[in-house]
N, C-alpha and C. Protein backbone atom coordinates (compact mmCIF):
# COMPACT_ATOMS: atom_id res chain seq x y z
N MET A 1 3.63 10.50 33.92
CA MET A 1 5.05 10.90 34.00
C MET A 1 5.81 10.20 32.89
N THR A 2 6.67 10.93 32.13
CA THR A 2 7.42 10.39 31.00
C THR A 2 8.90 10.53 31.26
N PRO A 3 9.69 9.45 31.16
CA PRO A 3 11.14 9.57 31.36
C PRO A 3 11.75 10.50 30.33
N GLN A 4 13.03 10.91 30.61
CA GLN A 4 13.70 11.84 29.73
C GLN A 4 13.98 11.23 28.36
N ASP A 5 14.14 9.87 28.26
CA ASP A 5 14.43 9.27 26.97
C ASP A 5 13.18 9.10 26.13
N GLY A 6 12.00 9.55 26.60
CA GLY A 6 10.79 9.49 25.80
C GLY A 6 10.02 8.22 25.97
N THR A 7 10.46 7.28 26.77
CA THR A 7 9.73 6.03 26.94
C THR A 7 8.50 6.30 27.79
N PRO A 8 7.35 5.80 27.38
CA PRO A 8 6.14 6.04 28.20
C PRO A 8 6.32 5.43 29.59
N ALA A 9 5.68 6.10 30.52
CA ALA A 9 5.82 5.65 31.92
C ALA A 9 5.31 4.25 32.11
N GLY A 10 4.31 3.83 31.33
CA GLY A 10 3.77 2.50 31.53
C GLY A 10 4.69 1.41 31.08
N ASP A 11 5.67 1.72 30.18
CA ASP A 11 6.61 0.71 29.71
C ASP A 11 7.80 0.54 30.64
N ASP A 12 8.02 1.46 31.54
CA ASP A 12 9.16 1.37 32.47
C ASP A 12 8.62 1.16 33.88
N PRO A 13 8.79 -0.06 34.45
CA PRO A 13 8.23 -0.32 35.80
C PRO A 13 8.84 0.53 36.87
N ARG A 14 10.00 1.16 36.62
CA ARG A 14 10.62 2.01 37.63
C ARG A 14 10.06 3.42 37.62
N ALA A 15 9.35 3.75 36.57
CA ALA A 15 8.88 5.13 36.42
C ALA A 15 7.40 5.18 36.72
N TRP A 16 7.03 5.52 37.94
CA TRP A 16 5.64 5.73 38.31
C TRP A 16 5.58 6.75 39.42
N SER A 17 4.55 7.50 39.39
CA SER A 17 4.42 8.58 40.36
C SER A 17 3.83 8.05 41.64
N GLU A 18 3.86 8.89 42.71
CA GLU A 18 3.32 8.50 44.01
C GLU A 18 1.81 8.36 43.95
N GLU A 19 1.16 9.01 42.96
CA GLU A 19 -0.29 8.91 42.86
C GLU A 19 -0.72 7.63 42.19
N ASP A 20 0.17 7.00 41.40
CA ASP A 20 -0.18 5.74 40.73
C ASP A 20 0.09 4.57 41.64
N GLU A 21 -0.61 3.45 41.41
CA GLU A 21 -0.35 2.22 42.14
C GLU A 21 0.91 1.56 41.59
N PRO A 22 1.72 0.94 42.46
CA PRO A 22 2.93 0.27 41.96
C PRO A 22 2.54 -0.91 41.08
N PRO A 23 3.37 -1.23 40.13
CA PRO A 23 3.05 -2.35 39.23
C PRO A 23 3.01 -3.67 39.98
N GLN A 24 2.15 -4.56 39.57
CA GLN A 24 1.99 -5.88 40.18
C GLN A 24 2.79 -6.90 39.38
N TYR A 25 3.52 -7.77 40.12
CA TYR A 25 4.33 -8.80 39.48
C TYR A 25 3.80 -10.16 39.92
N PRO A 26 3.80 -11.10 39.01
CA PRO A 26 3.32 -12.44 39.39
C PRO A 26 4.27 -13.08 40.40
N SER A 27 3.68 -13.89 41.32
CA SER A 27 4.47 -14.56 42.34
C SER A 27 5.36 -15.61 41.70
N GLY A 28 6.58 -15.70 42.23
CA GLY A 28 7.53 -16.66 41.67
C GLY A 28 7.65 -17.93 42.47
N GLY A 29 6.87 -18.15 43.58
CA GLY A 29 6.98 -19.37 44.37
C GLY A 29 5.77 -19.54 45.27
N SER A 30 5.85 -20.54 46.14
CA SER A 30 4.75 -20.83 47.05
C SER A 30 5.32 -21.17 48.42
N ILE A 31 4.48 -21.02 49.46
CA ILE A 31 4.86 -21.32 50.84
C ILE A 31 4.10 -22.54 51.30
N GLN A 32 4.81 -23.48 51.90
CA GLN A 32 4.21 -24.69 52.42
C GLN A 32 4.36 -24.72 53.93
N PHE A 33 3.32 -25.12 54.62
CA PHE A 33 3.32 -25.22 56.08
C PHE A 33 3.34 -26.67 56.49
N GLN A 34 4.13 -26.97 57.55
CA GLN A 34 4.23 -28.33 58.05
C GLN A 34 3.24 -28.54 59.19
N ASP A 35 2.67 -29.73 59.21
CA ASP A 35 1.76 -30.11 60.27
C ASP A 35 2.57 -30.84 61.34
N ALA A 36 2.62 -30.25 62.56
CA ALA A 36 3.43 -30.85 63.62
C ALA A 36 2.94 -32.22 64.03
N ALA A 37 1.65 -32.50 63.79
CA ALA A 37 1.10 -33.78 64.22
C ALA A 37 1.46 -34.91 63.26
N THR A 38 1.70 -34.57 62.02
CA THR A 38 1.94 -35.63 61.02
C THR A 38 3.34 -35.59 60.44
N THR A 39 4.08 -34.51 60.65
CA THR A 39 5.41 -34.39 60.05
C THR A 39 6.41 -35.26 60.81
N THR A 40 7.16 -36.05 60.13
CA THR A 40 8.18 -36.90 60.73
C THR A 40 9.51 -36.15 60.81
N PRO A 41 10.09 -36.00 62.00
CA PRO A 41 11.36 -35.27 62.07
C PRO A 41 12.47 -36.00 61.32
N ARG A 42 13.33 -35.21 60.74
CA ARG A 42 14.42 -35.80 59.98
C ARG A 42 15.44 -36.40 60.93
N PRO A 43 16.12 -37.44 60.54
CA PRO A 43 17.16 -38.04 61.40
C PRO A 43 18.34 -37.08 61.53
N PRO A 44 19.03 -37.14 62.68
CA PRO A 44 20.18 -36.24 62.86
C PRO A 44 21.29 -36.54 61.86
N THR A 45 21.96 -35.52 61.48
CA THR A 45 23.08 -35.66 60.55
C THR A 45 24.29 -36.20 61.28
N PRO A 46 25.29 -36.75 60.55
CA PRO A 46 26.52 -37.21 61.21
C PRO A 46 27.19 -36.14 62.05
N ALA A 47 27.15 -34.89 61.57
CA ALA A 47 27.77 -33.80 62.34
C ALA A 47 27.03 -33.57 63.64
N GLU A 48 25.69 -33.65 63.59
CA GLU A 48 24.91 -33.48 64.81
C GLU A 48 25.17 -34.63 65.80
N LEU A 49 25.31 -35.84 65.28
CA LEU A 49 25.60 -36.98 66.15
C LEU A 49 26.95 -36.83 66.82
N ARG A 50 27.95 -36.36 66.06
CA ARG A 50 29.28 -36.14 66.65
C ARG A 50 29.24 -35.07 67.73
N ALA A 51 28.49 -33.99 67.46
CA ALA A 51 28.39 -32.92 68.45
C ALA A 51 27.68 -33.40 69.71
N ARG A 52 26.66 -34.25 69.54
CA ARG A 52 25.95 -34.78 70.70
C ARG A 52 26.86 -35.68 71.53
N ASP A 53 27.62 -36.55 70.86
CA ASP A 53 28.54 -37.44 71.58
C ASP A 53 29.61 -36.64 72.32
N LYS A 54 30.08 -35.58 71.68
CA LYS A 54 31.10 -34.75 72.30
C LYS A 54 30.56 -34.07 73.55
N TYR A 55 29.30 -33.60 73.47
CA TYR A 55 28.67 -32.93 74.62
C TYR A 55 28.48 -33.92 75.77
N GLU A 56 28.00 -35.12 75.47
CA GLU A 56 27.78 -36.12 76.52
C GLU A 56 29.10 -36.53 77.17
N LYS A 57 30.15 -36.65 76.37
CA LYS A 57 31.45 -37.00 76.93
C LYS A 57 31.96 -35.90 77.86
N LYS A 58 31.75 -34.64 77.45
CA LYS A 58 32.19 -33.52 78.26
C LYS A 58 31.43 -33.49 79.59
N GLN A 59 30.12 -33.76 79.55
CA GLN A 59 29.33 -33.78 80.77
C GLN A 59 29.79 -34.89 81.71
N GLN A 60 30.14 -36.05 81.12
CA GLN A 60 30.62 -37.16 81.93
C GLN A 60 31.94 -36.81 82.61
N GLU A 61 32.83 -36.13 81.88
CA GLU A 61 34.11 -35.72 82.46
C GLU A 61 33.90 -34.74 83.61
N LEU A 62 32.96 -33.80 83.43
CA LEU A 62 32.68 -32.84 84.49
C LEU A 62 32.12 -33.53 85.73
N GLU A 63 31.24 -34.51 85.53
CA GLU A 63 30.66 -35.24 86.65
C GLU A 63 31.72 -36.03 87.39
N GLU A 64 32.64 -36.68 86.65
CA GLU A 64 33.71 -37.44 87.29
C GLU A 64 34.63 -36.51 88.08
N ALA A 65 34.89 -35.32 87.53
CA ALA A 65 35.73 -34.36 88.24
C ALA A 65 35.06 -33.89 89.52
N ARG A 66 33.74 -33.72 89.48
CA ARG A 66 33.01 -33.29 90.66
C ARG A 66 33.07 -34.36 91.75
N PHE A 67 32.89 -35.62 91.36
CA PHE A 67 32.97 -36.72 92.32
C PHE A 67 34.37 -36.81 92.94
N ALA A 68 35.40 -36.63 92.11
CA ALA A 68 36.76 -36.69 92.61
C ALA A 68 37.03 -35.57 93.62
N ALA A 69 36.53 -34.36 93.32
CA ALA A 69 36.72 -33.24 94.24
C ALA A 69 35.99 -33.48 95.55
N GLU A 70 34.80 -34.05 95.49
CA GLU A 70 34.04 -34.34 96.70
C GLU A 70 34.74 -35.40 97.55
N ALA A 71 35.28 -36.43 96.89
CA ALA A 71 36.02 -37.47 97.62
C ALA A 71 37.25 -36.87 98.30
N LYS A 72 37.92 -35.94 97.65
CA LYS A 72 39.09 -35.29 98.24
C LYS A 72 38.70 -34.48 99.47
N ARG A 73 37.58 -33.77 99.38
CA ARG A 73 37.12 -33.00 100.53
C ARG A 73 36.77 -33.91 101.70
N GLN A 74 36.17 -35.06 101.39
CA GLN A 74 35.83 -36.00 102.46
C GLN A 74 37.08 -36.52 103.16
N ARG A 75 38.13 -36.82 102.38
CA ARG A 75 39.38 -37.30 102.98
C ARG A 75 40.01 -36.22 103.87
N GLN A 76 40.01 -34.98 103.37
CA GLN A 76 40.57 -33.89 104.15
C GLN A 76 39.79 -33.67 105.44
N ARG A 77 38.46 -33.82 105.36
CA ARG A 77 37.64 -33.64 106.55
C ARG A 77 37.93 -34.72 107.60
N ARG A 78 38.11 -35.96 107.14
CA ARG A 78 38.43 -37.04 108.09
C ARG A 78 39.79 -36.81 108.75
N VAL A 79 40.76 -36.31 107.97
CA VAL A 79 42.07 -36.03 108.54
C VAL A 79 41.97 -34.94 109.61
N LEU A 80 41.21 -33.89 109.31
CA LEU A 80 41.06 -32.80 110.28
C LEU A 80 40.34 -33.26 111.53
N MET A 81 39.33 -34.11 111.35
CA MET A 81 38.59 -34.61 112.50
C MET A 81 39.48 -35.49 113.38
N GLY A 82 40.33 -36.30 112.74
CA GLY A 82 41.24 -37.13 113.52
C GLY A 82 42.25 -36.31 114.28
N ALA A 83 42.74 -35.23 113.63
CA ALA A 83 43.73 -34.38 114.30
C ALA A 83 43.12 -33.62 115.47
N ALA A 84 41.83 -33.31 115.34
CA ALA A 84 41.19 -32.53 116.39
C ALA A 84 40.57 -33.38 117.48
N ALA A 85 40.65 -34.71 117.33
CA ALA A 85 39.99 -35.59 118.31
C ALA A 85 40.57 -35.39 119.70
N GLY A 86 41.90 -35.37 119.80
CA GLY A 86 42.53 -35.19 121.12
C GLY A 86 42.19 -33.85 121.73
N VAL A 87 42.25 -32.81 120.90
CA VAL A 87 41.92 -31.48 121.40
C VAL A 87 40.45 -31.41 121.77
N GLY A 88 39.61 -32.14 121.00
CA GLY A 88 38.17 -32.10 121.25
C GLY A 88 37.80 -32.66 122.60
N VAL A 89 38.47 -33.73 123.03
CA VAL A 89 38.17 -34.32 124.33
C VAL A 89 38.44 -33.31 125.44
N VAL A 90 39.57 -32.64 125.34
CA VAL A 90 39.91 -31.64 126.35
C VAL A 90 38.91 -30.49 126.32
N SER A 91 38.53 -30.10 125.11
CA SER A 91 37.58 -28.99 124.99
C SER A 91 36.23 -29.36 125.58
N ILE A 92 35.79 -30.62 125.37
CA ILE A 92 34.50 -31.04 125.90
C ILE A 92 34.51 -31.02 127.42
N ILE A 93 35.61 -31.51 128.01
CA ILE A 93 35.72 -31.51 129.46
C ILE A 93 35.67 -30.08 130.00
N GLY A 94 36.38 -29.18 129.30
CA GLY A 94 36.35 -27.79 129.74
C GLY A 94 34.97 -27.17 129.58
N ALA A 95 34.30 -27.52 128.47
CA ALA A 95 32.97 -26.97 128.24
C ALA A 95 31.98 -27.47 129.28
N LEU A 96 32.09 -28.75 129.65
CA LEU A 96 31.20 -29.29 130.67
C LEU A 96 31.39 -28.57 132.00
N GLY A 97 32.66 -28.32 132.33
CA GLY A 97 32.92 -27.60 133.56
C GLY A 97 32.37 -26.19 133.52
N TYR A 98 32.54 -25.53 132.38
CA TYR A 98 32.01 -24.17 132.25
C TYR A 98 30.49 -24.17 132.30
N TRP A 99 29.89 -25.17 131.62
CA TRP A 99 28.44 -25.26 131.58
C TRP A 99 27.87 -25.48 132.99
N ALA A 100 28.53 -26.37 133.72
CA ALA A 100 28.04 -26.63 135.07
C ALA A 100 28.17 -25.38 135.94
N ALA A 101 29.25 -24.63 135.74
CA ALA A 101 29.46 -23.45 136.56
C ALA A 101 28.53 -22.31 136.17
N SER A 102 28.12 -22.27 134.88
CA SER A 102 27.31 -21.16 134.41
C SER A 102 25.82 -21.46 134.39
N THR A 103 25.41 -22.67 134.82
CA THR A 103 23.99 -23.01 134.82
C THR A 103 23.27 -22.19 135.88
N PRO A 104 22.26 -21.42 135.49
CA PRO A 104 21.56 -20.59 136.48
C PRO A 104 20.66 -21.43 137.39
N ASN A 105 20.46 -20.94 138.60
CA ASN A 105 19.56 -21.56 139.57
C ASN A 105 18.31 -20.69 139.70
N VAL A 106 17.17 -21.32 139.55
CA VAL A 106 15.89 -20.59 139.58
C VAL A 106 15.00 -21.21 140.64
N THR A 107 14.33 -20.36 141.39
CA THR A 107 13.40 -20.83 142.42
C THR A 107 11.98 -20.81 141.87
N ALA A 108 11.23 -21.89 142.11
CA ALA A 108 9.84 -21.99 141.66
C ALA A 108 8.91 -21.87 142.85
N GLN A 109 7.83 -21.13 142.68
CA GLN A 109 6.81 -20.99 143.71
C GLN A 109 5.50 -21.57 143.22
N CYS A 110 4.80 -22.28 144.09
CA CYS A 110 3.48 -22.81 143.74
C CYS A 110 2.45 -21.71 143.96
N VAL A 111 1.58 -21.49 142.99
CA VAL A 111 0.56 -20.44 143.10
C VAL A 111 -0.80 -21.02 142.75
N ARG A 112 -1.84 -20.33 143.22
CA ARG A 112 -3.21 -20.67 142.89
C ARG A 112 -3.95 -19.37 142.60
N ASP A 113 -4.82 -19.38 141.61
CA ASP A 113 -5.57 -18.17 141.28
C ASP A 113 -6.66 -17.92 142.31
N ASP A 114 -6.80 -16.66 142.72
CA ASP A 114 -7.87 -16.30 143.65
C ASP A 114 -9.18 -16.12 142.88
N PRO A 115 -10.29 -15.83 143.53
CA PRO A 115 -11.57 -15.67 142.80
C PRO A 115 -11.54 -14.64 141.69
N ASN A 116 -10.63 -13.69 141.77
CA ASN A 116 -10.52 -12.67 140.73
C ASN A 116 -9.57 -13.08 139.60
N GLY A 117 -9.00 -14.29 139.70
CA GLY A 117 -8.10 -14.77 138.66
C GLY A 117 -6.67 -14.32 138.83
N ASN A 118 -6.33 -13.75 139.99
CA ASN A 118 -4.96 -13.31 140.24
C ASN A 118 -4.20 -14.39 141.00
N PRO A 119 -2.92 -14.65 140.64
CA PRO A 119 -2.16 -15.71 141.32
C PRO A 119 -1.78 -15.31 142.73
N VAL A 120 -1.81 -16.30 143.61
CA VAL A 120 -1.42 -16.11 145.01
C VAL A 120 -0.49 -17.25 145.39
N VAL A 121 0.60 -16.95 146.08
CA VAL A 121 1.57 -17.96 146.47
C VAL A 121 0.96 -18.85 147.56
N VAL A 122 1.13 -20.18 147.38
CA VAL A 122 0.66 -21.16 148.37
C VAL A 122 1.84 -22.06 148.73
N GLU A 123 1.60 -23.00 149.63
CA GLU A 123 2.64 -23.92 150.04
C GLU A 123 3.10 -24.79 148.86
N ASP A 124 4.40 -25.13 148.84
CA ASP A 124 4.95 -25.93 147.74
C ASP A 124 4.28 -27.29 147.61
N SER A 125 3.76 -27.82 148.71
CA SER A 125 3.19 -29.17 148.70
C SER A 125 2.00 -29.30 147.77
N TYR A 126 1.36 -28.19 147.42
CA TYR A 126 0.22 -28.27 146.51
C TYR A 126 0.67 -28.58 145.06
N CYS A 127 1.93 -28.30 144.75
CA CYS A 127 2.43 -28.53 143.40
C CYS A 127 3.38 -29.72 143.31
N THR A 128 4.14 -29.98 144.36
CA THR A 128 5.13 -31.06 144.29
C THR A 128 4.44 -32.41 144.32
N ASN A 129 5.09 -33.36 143.64
CA ASN A 129 4.61 -34.74 143.57
C ASN A 129 3.24 -34.88 142.89
N HIS A 130 2.90 -33.90 142.05
CA HIS A 130 1.66 -33.98 141.28
C HIS A 130 2.00 -33.74 139.81
N THR A 131 1.30 -34.46 138.95
CA THR A 131 1.56 -34.34 137.51
C THR A 131 0.75 -33.20 136.92
N PRO A 132 1.41 -32.26 136.25
CA PRO A 132 0.66 -31.14 135.66
C PRO A 132 -0.16 -31.60 134.47
N GLY A 133 -1.23 -30.89 134.23
CA GLY A 133 -2.08 -31.20 133.09
C GLY A 133 -1.93 -30.17 132.00
N LEU A 134 -3.02 -29.90 131.29
CA LEU A 134 -3.00 -28.99 130.15
C LEU A 134 -2.59 -27.59 130.59
N GLY A 135 -1.63 -27.02 129.88
CA GLY A 135 -1.17 -25.66 130.20
C GLY A 135 -0.31 -25.58 131.43
N GLY A 136 0.16 -26.75 131.97
CA GLY A 136 1.00 -26.73 133.14
C GLY A 136 0.24 -26.64 134.45
N PHE A 137 -1.09 -26.72 134.41
CA PHE A 137 -1.88 -26.61 135.62
C PHE A 137 -1.95 -27.96 136.34
N ILE A 138 -2.00 -27.89 137.65
CA ILE A 138 -2.19 -29.07 138.50
C ILE A 138 -3.57 -28.95 139.13
N PHE A 139 -4.42 -29.92 138.87
CA PHE A 139 -5.79 -29.89 139.36
C PHE A 139 -5.87 -30.72 140.65
N LEU A 140 -6.22 -30.05 141.73
CA LEU A 140 -6.22 -30.71 143.04
C LEU A 140 -7.32 -30.11 143.90
N GLY A 141 -8.24 -30.96 144.35
CA GLY A 141 -9.29 -30.51 145.25
C GLY A 141 -10.17 -29.42 144.68
N GLY A 142 -10.41 -29.45 143.38
CA GLY A 142 -11.25 -28.45 142.74
C GLY A 142 -10.55 -27.14 142.46
N HIS A 143 -9.27 -27.08 142.71
CA HIS A 143 -8.51 -25.86 142.45
C HIS A 143 -7.40 -26.14 141.42
N GLN A 144 -6.90 -25.07 140.80
CA GLN A 144 -5.82 -25.17 139.83
C GLN A 144 -4.56 -24.55 140.42
N TYR A 145 -3.49 -25.31 140.37
CA TYR A 145 -2.20 -24.84 140.86
C TYR A 145 -1.18 -24.90 139.72
N ARG A 146 -0.17 -24.09 139.84
CA ARG A 146 0.92 -24.09 138.86
C ARG A 146 2.14 -23.43 139.48
N TYR A 147 3.26 -23.55 138.76
CA TYR A 147 4.50 -22.96 139.23
C TYR A 147 4.73 -21.59 138.62
N TYR A 148 5.30 -20.70 139.44
CA TYR A 148 5.87 -19.46 138.94
C TYR A 148 7.38 -19.60 139.10
N TYR A 149 8.12 -19.31 138.03
CA TYR A 149 9.57 -19.51 138.02
C TYR A 149 10.27 -18.16 138.14
N GLY A 150 11.16 -18.07 139.13
CA GLY A 150 11.93 -16.85 139.32
C GLY A 150 11.20 -15.77 140.07
N SER A 151 10.07 -16.08 140.65
CA SER A 151 9.31 -15.07 141.40
C SER A 151 9.72 -15.08 142.87
N SER A 152 9.18 -14.12 143.60
CA SER A 152 9.43 -14.04 145.04
C SER A 152 8.15 -13.58 145.72
N GLY A 153 8.14 -13.64 147.04
CA GLY A 153 6.96 -13.23 147.81
C GLY A 153 6.54 -14.32 148.77
N PRO A 154 5.98 -13.95 149.93
CA PRO A 154 5.57 -14.92 150.93
C PRO A 154 4.25 -15.59 150.57
N VAL A 155 3.96 -16.69 151.27
CA VAL A 155 2.70 -17.40 151.07
C VAL A 155 1.54 -16.48 151.42
N GLY A 156 0.52 -16.50 150.55
CA GLY A 156 -0.66 -15.68 150.76
C GLY A 156 -0.62 -14.35 150.04
N SER A 157 0.52 -14.03 149.40
CA SER A 157 0.64 -12.78 148.65
C SER A 157 0.87 -13.08 147.18
N PRO A 158 0.63 -12.12 146.30
CA PRO A 158 0.87 -12.35 144.87
C PRO A 158 2.36 -12.52 144.60
N PRO A 159 2.74 -13.37 143.64
CA PRO A 159 4.16 -13.51 143.30
C PRO A 159 4.68 -12.24 142.66
N VAL A 160 5.91 -11.91 142.99
CA VAL A 160 6.54 -10.71 142.44
C VAL A 160 7.49 -11.15 141.34
N GLY A 161 7.24 -10.68 140.11
CA GLY A 161 8.07 -11.05 138.97
C GLY A 161 7.84 -12.50 138.59
N GLY A 162 8.77 -13.05 137.86
CA GLY A 162 8.69 -14.46 137.47
C GLY A 162 7.85 -14.68 136.23
N THR A 163 7.77 -15.94 135.83
CA THR A 163 7.05 -16.33 134.64
C THR A 163 6.49 -17.73 134.83
N THR A 164 5.45 -18.06 134.07
CA THR A 164 4.88 -19.41 134.15
C THR A 164 5.56 -20.37 133.18
N VAL A 165 6.56 -19.90 132.45
CA VAL A 165 7.29 -20.74 131.50
C VAL A 165 8.63 -21.13 132.13
N ALA A 166 8.88 -22.41 132.24
CA ALA A 166 10.13 -22.87 132.86
C ALA A 166 11.32 -22.50 131.98
N PRO A 167 12.32 -21.80 132.52
CA PRO A 167 13.49 -21.43 131.72
C PRO A 167 14.32 -22.66 131.37
N ARG A 168 14.69 -22.76 130.12
CA ARG A 168 15.48 -23.90 129.67
C ARG A 168 16.92 -23.82 130.17
N GLY A 169 17.47 -24.99 130.49
CA GLY A 169 18.86 -25.06 130.88
C GLY A 169 19.16 -24.59 132.29
N ALA A 170 18.12 -24.34 133.09
CA ALA A 170 18.34 -23.85 134.44
C ALA A 170 18.07 -24.96 135.46
N ASN A 171 18.72 -24.84 136.62
CA ASN A 171 18.40 -25.71 137.75
C ASN A 171 17.22 -25.07 138.48
N ILE A 172 16.10 -25.77 138.53
CA ILE A 172 14.89 -25.22 139.14
C ILE A 172 14.54 -26.03 140.38
N THR A 173 14.43 -25.35 141.51
CA THR A 173 14.03 -25.99 142.77
C THR A 173 13.01 -25.11 143.47
N THR A 174 12.23 -25.73 144.34
CA THR A 174 11.29 -24.97 145.16
C THR A 174 12.00 -24.46 146.41
N LYS A 175 11.33 -23.59 147.16
CA LYS A 175 11.94 -23.07 148.39
C LYS A 175 12.13 -24.17 149.42
N SER A 176 11.30 -25.23 149.31
CA SER A 176 11.43 -26.34 150.26
C SER A 176 12.51 -27.32 149.84
N GLY A 177 13.16 -27.09 148.67
CA GLY A 177 14.27 -27.92 148.25
C GLY A 177 13.93 -29.00 147.24
N THR A 178 12.71 -29.07 146.75
CA THR A 178 12.34 -30.07 145.75
C THR A 178 12.88 -29.67 144.39
N SER A 179 13.59 -30.60 143.73
CA SER A 179 14.15 -30.32 142.40
C SER A 179 13.08 -30.54 141.33
N ILE A 180 12.88 -29.54 140.52
CA ILE A 180 11.88 -29.61 139.44
C ILE A 180 12.55 -29.85 138.10
N GLN A 181 13.70 -29.22 137.89
CA GLN A 181 14.40 -29.36 136.61
C GLN A 181 15.89 -29.31 136.85
N ARG A 182 16.61 -30.23 136.19
CA ARG A 182 18.07 -30.22 136.26
C ARG A 182 18.60 -29.51 135.02
N GLY A 183 19.47 -28.56 135.22
CA GLY A 183 20.00 -27.80 134.10
C GLY A 183 21.19 -28.50 133.48
N GLY A 184 21.74 -27.87 132.43
CA GLY A 184 22.91 -28.42 131.74
C GLY A 184 22.54 -29.55 130.81
N LEU A 185 23.57 -30.36 130.45
CA LEU A 185 23.35 -31.49 129.56
C LEU A 185 22.43 -32.50 130.22
N GLY A 186 21.47 -32.98 129.46
CA GLY A 186 20.56 -33.97 129.99
C GLY A 186 19.54 -33.39 130.94
N GLY A 187 19.39 -32.08 130.94
CA GLY A 187 18.43 -31.46 131.83
C GLY A 187 17.03 -31.95 131.54
N LYS A 188 16.27 -32.19 132.57
CA LYS A 188 14.94 -32.74 132.41
C LYS A 188 13.99 -32.07 133.37
N LEU A 189 12.80 -31.76 132.84
CA LEU A 189 11.78 -31.13 133.66
C LEU A 189 11.03 -32.20 134.42
N GLY A 190 10.90 -32.02 135.71
CA GLY A 190 10.16 -33.00 136.52
C GLY A 190 9.15 -32.27 137.38
N GLY A 191 8.60 -32.93 138.35
CA GLY A 191 7.74 -32.29 139.35
C GLY A 191 6.54 -31.60 138.77
N GLY A 192 6.73 -30.55 137.98
CA GLY A 192 5.65 -29.80 137.38
C GLY A 192 6.19 -28.93 136.28
N SER A 193 5.41 -28.71 135.25
CA SER A 193 5.86 -27.91 134.10
C SER A 193 4.94 -26.73 133.92
N GLY A 194 5.52 -25.57 133.72
CA GLY A 194 4.71 -24.39 133.51
C GLY A 194 4.29 -24.28 132.08
N GLY A 195 3.10 -23.79 131.85
CA GLY A 195 2.62 -23.55 130.50
C GLY A 195 2.59 -22.08 130.23
N ALA A 196 2.08 -21.69 129.07
CA ALA A 196 2.00 -20.28 128.71
C ALA A 196 0.99 -19.61 129.62
N GLY A 197 1.32 -18.46 130.12
CA GLY A 197 0.40 -17.77 131.02
C GLY A 197 0.90 -16.40 131.30
N ARG A 198 0.43 -15.81 132.37
CA ARG A 198 0.83 -14.45 132.72
C ARG A 198 2.29 -14.44 133.11
N GLY A 199 2.99 -13.40 132.74
CA GLY A 199 4.41 -13.33 133.04
C GLY A 199 4.69 -13.00 134.48
N SER A 200 3.79 -12.29 135.17
CA SER A 200 4.06 -11.94 136.55
C SER A 200 2.75 -11.71 137.28
N GLY A 201 2.80 -11.81 138.57
CA GLY A 201 1.60 -11.57 139.35
C GLY A 201 1.38 -10.10 139.55
N SER A 202 0.16 -9.75 139.95
CA SER A 202 -0.15 -8.37 140.21
C SER A 202 -0.93 -8.26 141.50
């Protein structure tokens, strides 16, 4: 390819066809790679030091502001607690009265499994004054006894309804009047404790 001014294509590096290879030019520089293991980092510049000091000062101011806000919240909380102290005493007395009035009463029946593994109601004396063992069972005379809570039915028959798990917060007594658990604040399970088991007799 020849330019219009007659200069041969080889003398003009801009004039070459797509079929020709582009002209090669000698490199004007070199690339150097740094070794991270041996290269010593440069010391920070004065501008970088000033920026770092400014950042640290700003962080310190933010931290002091956070502490001041937290202290203010603590003071406000103490003021509110003091103001509510008188009302709180009255509220607690009312809550105790409500709690005592709303505590459910549950009857517990002593049962023993028959040869087929089905529970049968027995006399309360088999369960009262005995310490339950694993799973809430009371082992006595080669037999296993336990309480059914909230069930009904006469001695010698399967319990109707109820559960082997003692309901929390309830007053639990046997039909003979033995207290097993006191409900409300400070409620404590005594006499015998039911473990996980069948929910009702059949």
